[in-house]
Amino acid sequence: MNGVIDADTHISEGKEMWKMIEREMYPRRPILLSVPEDTWYGKRDAFWLIDGEIYPKPAGKGSFALVTPSAQKVQEGRKDSTVSSREMTDIKTRLADMDRLNTAAQIVYPTLFLVYNTKDTELEIALCRAYNRFLAQACAQALERIKWVAVLPLQSIKESIDEIRFAKQNGAVGIFFRGIEGDYTLDNPHLFPIYEEAQKQNLSICVHTGCGVRAILEMFELSRNHTFGHTRVMPLLAFRDIIANKIPEQFPALRFGFIEAAAGWVPFLIHIVRRLQKDKFRFGSSAEMFREYRLYVACEADEDIPYIARYTGDDHLLIGSDYPHSDPSREDQFVNAITVREDISPQLRQKIFCDNPRAFYAL
């Protein structure tokens, strides 16, 4: 696999995915609903009904925006991608989009699973299994160019381990986490069997923006708070907890990535950890810590990347387009945006585009 690796893209989950739910759980599959455009939801007028609740909830407390389902009027008229490429029912079209964006490979993350969706263990298992099997089949059509990150039913450790093994056998390169999962921060020993199996299968721990705690989700309102409090900062919390509790030392081959939260926070969090550990901070530099702890962070094209690299080291930054979430922003043009920057050396650019994501995802 050569060329630019887009380290953070997404699927917009569609109806075809939910056809893969097992027969006994099929009556509880997500159902597409729509409402008139003159409600307070406006053009975000379509949702998934899951056990009596709507996802996404576009307004009010606990609200958030997602590009799924594609039937929302706010998604109409997009020129950056088609519904079939977003939902990964037409892989040829998605590959054409990749060519247009000058990327050789994509790593695919979920959309619906960016937010907490159920406390029901059986339903969570069914949703995760359907997602993973759909992604396995879709990505198999372009195995050298599209890889995926698995979602786990973390309310069941046994089922999660089974899903990790399925994922590894079917082309996955990582395990999806939000910064906190239910009752557990990511340093909690409850999750150690997951980390152990991920390490055994050579799959990365991918901490992506998102909210895995319903109580946190319900504190915020999209129109006032956007997504900062309940999604954007979550990988930062996980970074602090994982490093402060020395989780990488307990799993010496496991890689940890922090995705879609930018990277400008790295110096701040390192400062926090240094102060916490005081004379027990055993690394000569933060770059040494990133190297020994196998840490990776996804930066954004308009950040002060050379400054951030002083803290992470050149070998631990990567970048993604957020395709197809990126409309109407131009984050999908990250290749051009990085290439024209004179403050980023060709060597660092090569690492961010190619070498580092290849190392993190073990491609």
Protein backbone atom coordinates (compact mmCIF):
# COMPACT_ATOMS: atom_id res chain seq x y z
CA MET A 1 0.00 0.00 0.00
CA ASN A 2 1.71 3.18 -1.25
CA GLY A 3 0.72 6.84 -1.43
CA VAL A 4 -1.27 9.10 0.89
CA ILE A 5 -3.26 7.33 3.59
CA ASP A 6 -6.39 9.16 4.70
CA ALA A 7 -6.29 8.23 8.37
CA ASP A 8 -9.83 9.27 9.29
CA THR A 9 -12.87 8.78 7.04
CA HIS A 10 -16.39 7.58 7.78
CA ILE A 11 -19.33 5.57 6.60
CA SER A 12 -22.84 6.98 6.76
CA GLU A 13 -24.78 3.96 7.96
CA GLY A 14 -27.74 3.15 5.71
CA LYS A 15 -30.66 0.74 5.37
CA GLU A 16 -28.51 -1.95 3.75
CA MET A 17 -26.48 -2.28 6.92
CA TRP A 18 -29.49 -3.02 9.11
CA LYS A 19 -30.59 -5.83 6.80
CA MET A 20 -27.65 -7.74 8.29
CA ILE A 21 -29.10 -7.85 11.81
CA GLU A 22 -29.85 -11.40 12.94
CA ARG A 23 -33.42 -12.64 12.54
CA GLU A 24 -34.29 -12.69 16.24
CA MET A 25 -33.22 -9.04 16.64
CA TYR A 26 -34.50 -7.84 13.27
CA PRO A 27 -37.73 -6.32 14.71
CA ARG A 28 -35.50 -4.01 16.78
CA ARG A 29 -33.37 -2.81 13.84
CA PRO A 30 -32.99 0.97 13.32
CA ILE A 31 -35.98 2.30 11.36
CA LEU A 32 -35.81 5.39 9.16
CA LEU A 33 -38.25 8.14 10.18
CA SER A 34 -38.89 11.59 8.72
CA VAL A 35 -40.81 14.66 9.89
CA PRO A 36 -42.01 17.85 8.19
CA GLU A 37 -39.32 20.43 7.53
CA ASP A 38 -41.26 23.11 9.44
CA THR A 39 -40.49 21.55 12.84
CA TRP A 40 -37.68 22.82 15.06
CA TYR A 41 -35.50 20.14 13.48
CA GLY A 42 -35.52 22.09 10.21
CA LYS A 43 -33.65 20.36 7.40
CA ARG A 44 -32.30 17.74 9.80
CA ASP A 45 -35.65 16.09 9.31
CA ALA A 46 -34.82 12.36 9.16
CA PHE A 47 -33.57 10.05 11.90
CA TRP A 48 -33.03 6.45 12.92
CA LEU A 49 -35.57 5.19 15.43
CA ILE A 50 -33.74 2.89 17.86
CA ASP A 51 -35.77 1.46 20.73
CA GLY A 52 -38.13 4.42 20.74
CA GLU A 53 -35.50 7.17 20.52
CA ILE A 54 -34.25 9.17 17.54
CA TYR A 55 -30.63 9.31 16.33
CA PRO A 56 -29.44 11.91 15.63
CA LYS A 57 -31.44 14.25 17.86
CA PRO A 58 -31.01 17.58 16.06
CA ALA A 59 -32.39 20.01 18.67
CA GLY A 60 -32.81 20.46 22.40
CA LYS A 61 -30.81 19.06 25.28
CA GLY A 62 -28.72 16.08 24.26
CA SER A 63 -28.75 17.13 20.62
CA PHE A 64 -26.08 16.38 18.06
CA ALA A 65 -25.66 16.32 14.28
CA LEU A 66 -24.69 13.33 12.13
CA VAL A 67 -24.59 12.79 8.36
CA THR A 68 -26.64 9.64 8.83
CA PRO A 69 -29.32 9.03 7.71
CA SER A 70 -28.71 10.30 4.20
CA ALA A 71 -32.42 11.15 3.83
CA GLN A 72 -32.00 14.39 5.79
CA LYS A 73 -32.74 17.39 3.57
CA VAL A 74 -29.58 19.01 4.89
CA GLN A 75 -27.66 16.34 2.95
CA GLU A 76 -29.31 17.15 -0.38
CA GLY A 77 -27.30 18.77 -3.13
CA ARG A 78 -23.89 17.77 -1.83
CA LYS A 79 -21.21 17.65 -4.49
CA ASP A 80 -18.39 16.19 -2.39
CA SER A 81 -19.83 12.64 -2.40
CA THR A 82 -22.88 10.60 -3.37
CA VAL A 83 -25.23 8.76 -1.03
CA SER A 84 -23.97 5.43 -2.33
CA SER A 85 -20.33 6.34 -1.68
CA ARG A 86 -21.14 7.66 1.80
CA GLU A 87 -23.12 4.53 2.65
CA MET A 88 -20.49 2.33 0.95
CA THR A 89 -22.97 0.54 -1.26
CA ASP A 90 -21.01 1.68 -4.35
CA ILE A 91 -17.32 1.11 -3.69
CA LYS A 92 -16.29 2.10 -7.21
CA THR A 93 -17.69 5.59 -6.66
CA ARG A 94 -15.92 5.86 -3.33
CA LEU A 95 -12.65 4.85 -4.97
CA ALA A 96 -13.22 7.54 -7.60
CA ASP A 97 -13.65 10.09 -4.81
CA MET A 98 -10.39 8.91 -3.28
CA ASP A 99 -8.63 9.41 -6.61
CA ARG A 100 -10.10 12.91 -6.87
CA LEU A 101 -8.79 13.72 -3.38
CA ASN A 102 -5.33 12.28 -4.17
CA THR A 103 -5.51 9.59 -1.49
CA ALA A 104 -4.36 6.03 -2.05
CA ALA A 105 -6.10 4.50 0.96
CA GLN A 106 -8.82 5.25 3.50
CA ILE A 107 -9.38 4.14 7.08
CA VAL A 108 -13.13 4.03 7.78
CA TYR A 109 -14.74 4.94 11.11
CA PRO A 110 -18.44 4.82 12.06
CA THR A 111 -20.89 7.71 12.22
CA LEU A 112 -23.93 6.49 14.16
CA PHE A 113 -21.66 4.97 16.81
CA LEU A 114 -20.02 8.33 17.49
CA VAL A 115 -22.73 8.81 20.11
CA TYR A 116 -24.17 6.66 22.85
CA ASN A 117 -27.11 4.71 21.46
CA THR A 118 -28.31 1.97 23.81
CA LYS A 119 -27.93 0.48 27.27
CA ASP A 120 -29.49 -2.78 26.09
CA THR A 121 -26.71 -5.37 25.80
CA GLU A 122 -28.48 -7.61 23.27
CA LEU A 123 -29.33 -4.67 21.02
CA GLU A 124 -25.79 -3.30 21.23
CA ILE A 125 -24.40 -6.69 20.22
CA ALA A 126 -26.80 -6.88 17.26
CA LEU A 127 -25.95 -3.35 16.06
CA CYS A 128 -22.21 -3.90 16.34
CA ARG A 129 -22.33 -7.27 14.60
CA ALA A 130 -24.35 -5.83 11.70
CA TYR A 131 -21.94 -2.90 11.39
CA ASN A 132 -18.82 -5.04 11.43
CA ARG A 133 -20.17 -7.53 8.92
CA PHE A 134 -21.32 -4.82 6.57
CA LEU A 135 -17.92 -3.09 6.72
CA ALA A 136 -16.10 -6.39 6.21
CA GLN A 137 -18.09 -7.10 3.03
CA ALA A 138 -17.85 -3.55 1.69
CA CYS A 139 -14.12 -3.13 2.29
CA ALA A 140 -13.38 -6.57 0.85
CA GLN A 141 -14.26 -5.09 -2.55
CA ALA A 142 -11.20 -2.82 -2.32
CA LEU A 143 -9.09 -4.52 0.31
CA GLU A 144 -5.84 -2.82 -0.67
CA ARG A 145 -7.35 0.67 -0.55
CA ILE A 146 -10.08 0.70 2.10
CA LYS A 147 -9.56 -0.53 5.66
CA TRP A 148 -11.93 -0.28 8.59
CA VAL A 149 -12.09 0.15 12.35
CA ALA A 150 -14.38 -2.22 14.26
CA VAL A 151 -17.03 -1.23 16.81
CA LEU A 152 -17.48 -3.37 19.91
CA PRO A 153 -20.47 -4.20 22.15
CA LEU A 154 -18.49 -3.19 25.22
CA GLN A 155 -21.30 -4.13 27.60
CA SER A 156 -20.25 -7.73 26.88
CA ILE A 157 -16.53 -8.46 27.11
CA LYS A 158 -17.01 -11.96 25.66
CA GLU A 159 -18.88 -10.71 22.61
CA SER A 160 -16.36 -7.89 22.20
CA ILE A 161 -13.49 -10.35 22.05
CA ASP A 162 -15.40 -12.41 19.48
CA GLU A 163 -15.87 -9.26 17.39
CA ILE A 164 -12.17 -8.40 17.63
CA ARG A 165 -11.30 -11.83 16.23
CA PHE A 166 -13.87 -11.47 13.45
CA ALA A 167 -12.54 -8.01 12.65
CA LYS A 168 -8.95 -9.17 12.40
CA GLN A 169 -9.93 -12.01 10.08
CA ASN A 170 -11.84 -9.61 7.84
CA GLY A 171 -9.48 -6.73 7.18
CA ALA A 172 -9.98 -4.40 10.16
CA VAL A 173 -7.00 -2.37 11.37
CA GLY A 174 -8.26 -0.97 14.66
CA ILE A 175 -10.80 -0.91 17.47
CA PHE A 176 -13.06 2.12 17.91
CA PHE A 177 -13.34 3.86 21.26
CA ARG A 178 -14.80 7.12 22.47
CA GLY A 179 -13.03 8.94 25.32
CA ILE A 180 -15.25 7.36 27.97
CA GLU A 181 -17.33 4.23 27.43
CA GLY A 182 -20.42 3.94 29.59
CA ASP A 183 -19.27 3.66 33.19
CA TYR A 184 -15.61 3.28 32.29
CA THR A 185 -12.77 5.67 31.51
CA LEU A 186 -10.27 4.09 29.16
CA ASP A 187 -7.75 3.31 31.91
CA ASN A 188 -10.27 1.07 33.72
CA PRO A 189 -9.23 -2.58 34.22
CA HIS A 190 -12.69 -3.61 32.95
CA LEU A 191 -11.35 -2.89 29.45
CA PHE A 192 -8.04 -4.72 29.85
CA PRO A 193 -9.29 -7.96 28.24
CA ILE A 194 -10.16 -5.86 25.17
CA TYR A 195 -6.69 -4.34 25.11
CA GLU A 196 -5.08 -7.74 25.57
CA GLU A 197 -6.96 -9.24 22.64
CA ALA A 198 -6.35 -6.17 20.47
CA GLN A 199 -2.64 -6.45 21.22
CA LYS A 200 -2.70 -10.16 20.39
CA GLN A 201 -4.42 -9.43 17.07
CA ASN A 202 -2.15 -6.44 16.26
CA LEU A 203 -5.10 -4.04 16.10
CA SER A 204 -4.72 -0.41 17.18
CA ILE A 205 -6.79 1.34 19.84
CA CYS A 206 -8.45 4.22 17.98
CA VAL A 207 -9.84 6.86 20.33
CA HIS A 208 -12.07 9.01 18.14
CA THR A 209 -14.18 12.04 19.00
CA GLY A 210 -17.57 10.94 20.22
CA CYS A 211 -19.70 10.55 23.31
CA GLY A 212 -20.14 7.16 24.92
CA VAL A 213 -21.93 8.42 28.05
CA ARG A 214 -25.59 9.36 27.90
CA ALA A 215 -25.43 11.64 30.95
CA ILE A 216 -22.67 13.72 29.34
CA LEU A 217 -24.50 13.82 26.01
CA GLU A 218 -27.64 15.18 27.66
CA MET A 219 -25.79 18.10 29.25
CA PHE A 220 -25.24 19.87 25.93
CA GLU A 221 -27.33 21.47 23.22
CA LEU A 222 -26.16 21.58 19.61
CA SER A 223 -27.39 25.11 18.88
CA ARG A 224 -25.54 26.56 21.88
CA ASN A 225 -22.60 24.25 22.54
CA HIS A 226 -22.02 22.68 19.12
CA THR A 227 -20.08 19.42 19.65
CA PHE A 228 -17.15 20.64 21.70
CA GLY A 229 -18.09 19.44 25.19
CA HIS A 230 -19.67 16.09 24.44
CA THR A 231 -17.51 14.90 21.54
CA ARG A 232 -14.48 17.03 20.70
CA VAL A 233 -12.74 16.89 24.09
CA MET A 234 -13.29 13.20 24.78
CA PRO A 235 -10.00 11.95 23.27
CA LEU A 236 -8.17 14.47 25.47
CA LEU A 237 -9.68 12.92 28.58
CA ALA A 238 -8.67 9.49 27.35
CA PHE A 239 -5.11 10.64 26.60
CA ARG A 240 -4.70 11.95 30.13
CA ASP A 241 -6.13 8.80 31.74
CA ILE A 242 -4.17 6.36 29.57
CA ILE A 243 -0.85 8.16 30.08
CA ALA A 244 -1.26 9.05 33.75
CA ASN A 245 -2.10 5.43 34.58
CA LYS A 246 0.69 4.07 32.35
CA ILE A 247 -1.61 1.79 30.38
CA PRO A 248 0.89 1.44 27.49
CA GLU A 249 3.37 -0.13 29.91
CA GLN A 250 0.87 -2.89 30.66
CA PHE A 251 0.35 -3.64 26.96
CA PRO A 252 3.84 -3.17 25.49
CA ALA A 253 2.92 -3.85 21.85
CA LEU A 254 -0.36 -1.93 21.72
CA ARG A 255 -0.67 1.30 19.71
CA PHE A 256 -2.93 4.16 20.84
CA GLY A 257 -4.28 6.82 18.47
CA PHE A 258 -6.29 9.97 19.19
CA ILE A 259 -8.35 10.87 16.15
CA GLU A 260 -10.30 13.94 14.96
CA ALA A 261 -9.64 16.07 18.02
CA ALA A 262 -6.89 18.12 16.33
CA ALA A 263 -3.42 18.02 17.93
CA GLY A 264 -2.80 21.48 19.38
CA TRP A 265 -3.78 20.18 22.82
CA VAL A 266 -0.74 17.89 23.02
CA PRO A 267 1.64 20.36 24.76
CA PHE A 268 -1.07 21.21 27.31
CA LEU A 269 -1.80 17.57 28.18
CA ILE A 270 1.90 16.76 28.42
CA HIS A 271 2.25 19.67 30.83
CA ILE A 272 -0.63 18.27 32.91
CA VAL A 273 0.93 14.79 33.04
CA ARG A 274 4.39 16.15 33.87
CA ARG A 275 3.01 18.14 36.80
CA LEU A 276 1.01 15.15 37.99
CA GLN A 277 3.98 12.80 37.95
CA LYS A 278 6.57 15.43 38.96
CA ASP A 279 9.90 13.66 39.53
CA LYS A 280 8.35 10.33 38.47
CA PHE A 281 8.11 11.40 34.84
CA ARG A 282 10.77 9.08 33.51
CA PHE A 283 11.11 10.31 29.93
CA GLY A 284 13.81 12.65 28.72
CA SER A 285 11.31 14.34 26.41
CA SER A 286 7.67 14.10 25.41
CA ALA A 287 8.78 12.79 22.01
CA GLU A 288 10.47 9.92 23.81
CA MET A 289 7.22 9.21 25.63
CA PHE A 290 5.30 9.17 22.34
CA ARG A 291 7.83 6.73 20.91
CA GLU A 292 7.97 4.34 23.88
CA TYR A 293 4.22 4.45 24.49
CA ARG A 294 3.38 4.08 20.77
CA LEU A 295 1.11 7.13 20.72
CA TYR A 296 -0.27 8.76 17.57
CA VAL A 297 -2.34 11.93 17.09
CA ALA A 298 -4.29 13.14 14.06
CA CYS A 299 -3.48 16.77 13.32
CA GLU A 300 -5.38 19.19 11.11
CA ALA A 301 -4.02 20.93 8.04
CA ASP A 302 -4.19 24.48 9.43
CA GLU A 303 -2.49 23.77 12.78
CA ASP A 304 1.05 24.75 13.75
CA ILE A 305 2.30 21.30 12.81
CA PRO A 306 6.07 21.94 13.19
CA TYR A 307 5.47 23.20 16.74
CA ILE A 308 3.31 20.18 17.63
CA ALA A 309 5.91 17.82 16.15
CA ARG A 310 8.43 19.14 18.69
CA TYR A 311 6.30 17.45 21.36
CA THR A 312 5.15 14.33 19.52
CA GLY A 313 8.21 13.69 17.38
CA ASP A 314 7.93 13.49 13.60
CA ASP A 315 6.93 9.83 13.68
CA HIS A 316 3.64 10.18 15.54
CA LEU A 317 1.45 12.60 13.58
CA LEU A 318 -1.06 11.57 10.93
CA ILE A 319 -3.97 13.28 9.21
CA GLY A 320 -7.42 12.52 7.84
CA SER A 321 -10.02 14.22 5.69
CA ASP A 322 -13.12 13.29 7.74
CA TYR A 323 -14.69 12.26 4.40
CA PRO A 324 -17.67 12.33 3.93
CA HIS A 325 -18.42 14.44 7.02
CA SER A 326 -16.42 17.36 5.69
CA ASP A 327 -18.99 19.21 3.58
CA PRO A 328 -19.10 22.23 3.47
CA SER A 329 -15.63 22.61 5.01
CA ARG A 330 -12.56 21.88 2.90
CA GLU A 331 -10.86 19.46 5.26
CA ASP A 332 -11.06 16.93 2.42
CA GLN A 333 -8.37 18.98 0.65
CA PHE A 334 -5.76 18.23 3.31
CA VAL A 335 -3.30 16.82 0.77
CA ASN A 336 -3.12 20.11 -1.11
CA ALA A 337 -3.22 22.17 2.09
CA ILE A 338 -0.23 20.36 3.59
CA THR A 339 1.71 20.17 0.34
CA VAL A 340 1.77 23.94 -0.23
CA ARG A 341 2.96 24.76 3.29
CA GLU A 342 6.57 25.87 3.20
CA ASP A 343 7.03 25.38 6.96
CA ILE A 344 6.52 21.61 6.70
CA SER A 345 9.55 19.76 5.37
CA PRO A 346 9.17 17.12 2.67
CA GLN A 347 10.38 14.54 5.20
CA LEU A 348 7.72 15.45 7.77
CA ARG A 349 5.06 15.60 5.07
CA GLN A 350 5.99 12.09 3.93
CA LYS A 351 5.69 10.81 7.49
CA ILE A 352 2.30 12.44 8.12
CA PHE A 353 0.83 11.34 4.79
CA CYS A 354 2.28 7.84 4.52
CA ASP A 355 4.76 6.43 7.01
CA ASN A 356 3.02 7.24 10.29
CA PRO A 357 -0.50 6.04 9.41
CA ARG A 358 1.07 2.92 7.94
CA ALA A 359 2.86 2.28 11.23
CA PHE A 360 -0.15 3.10 13.43
CA TYR A 361 -2.62 0.94 11.51
CA ALA A 362 0.00 -1.78 10.83
CA LEU A 363 -0.68 -1.67 7.10
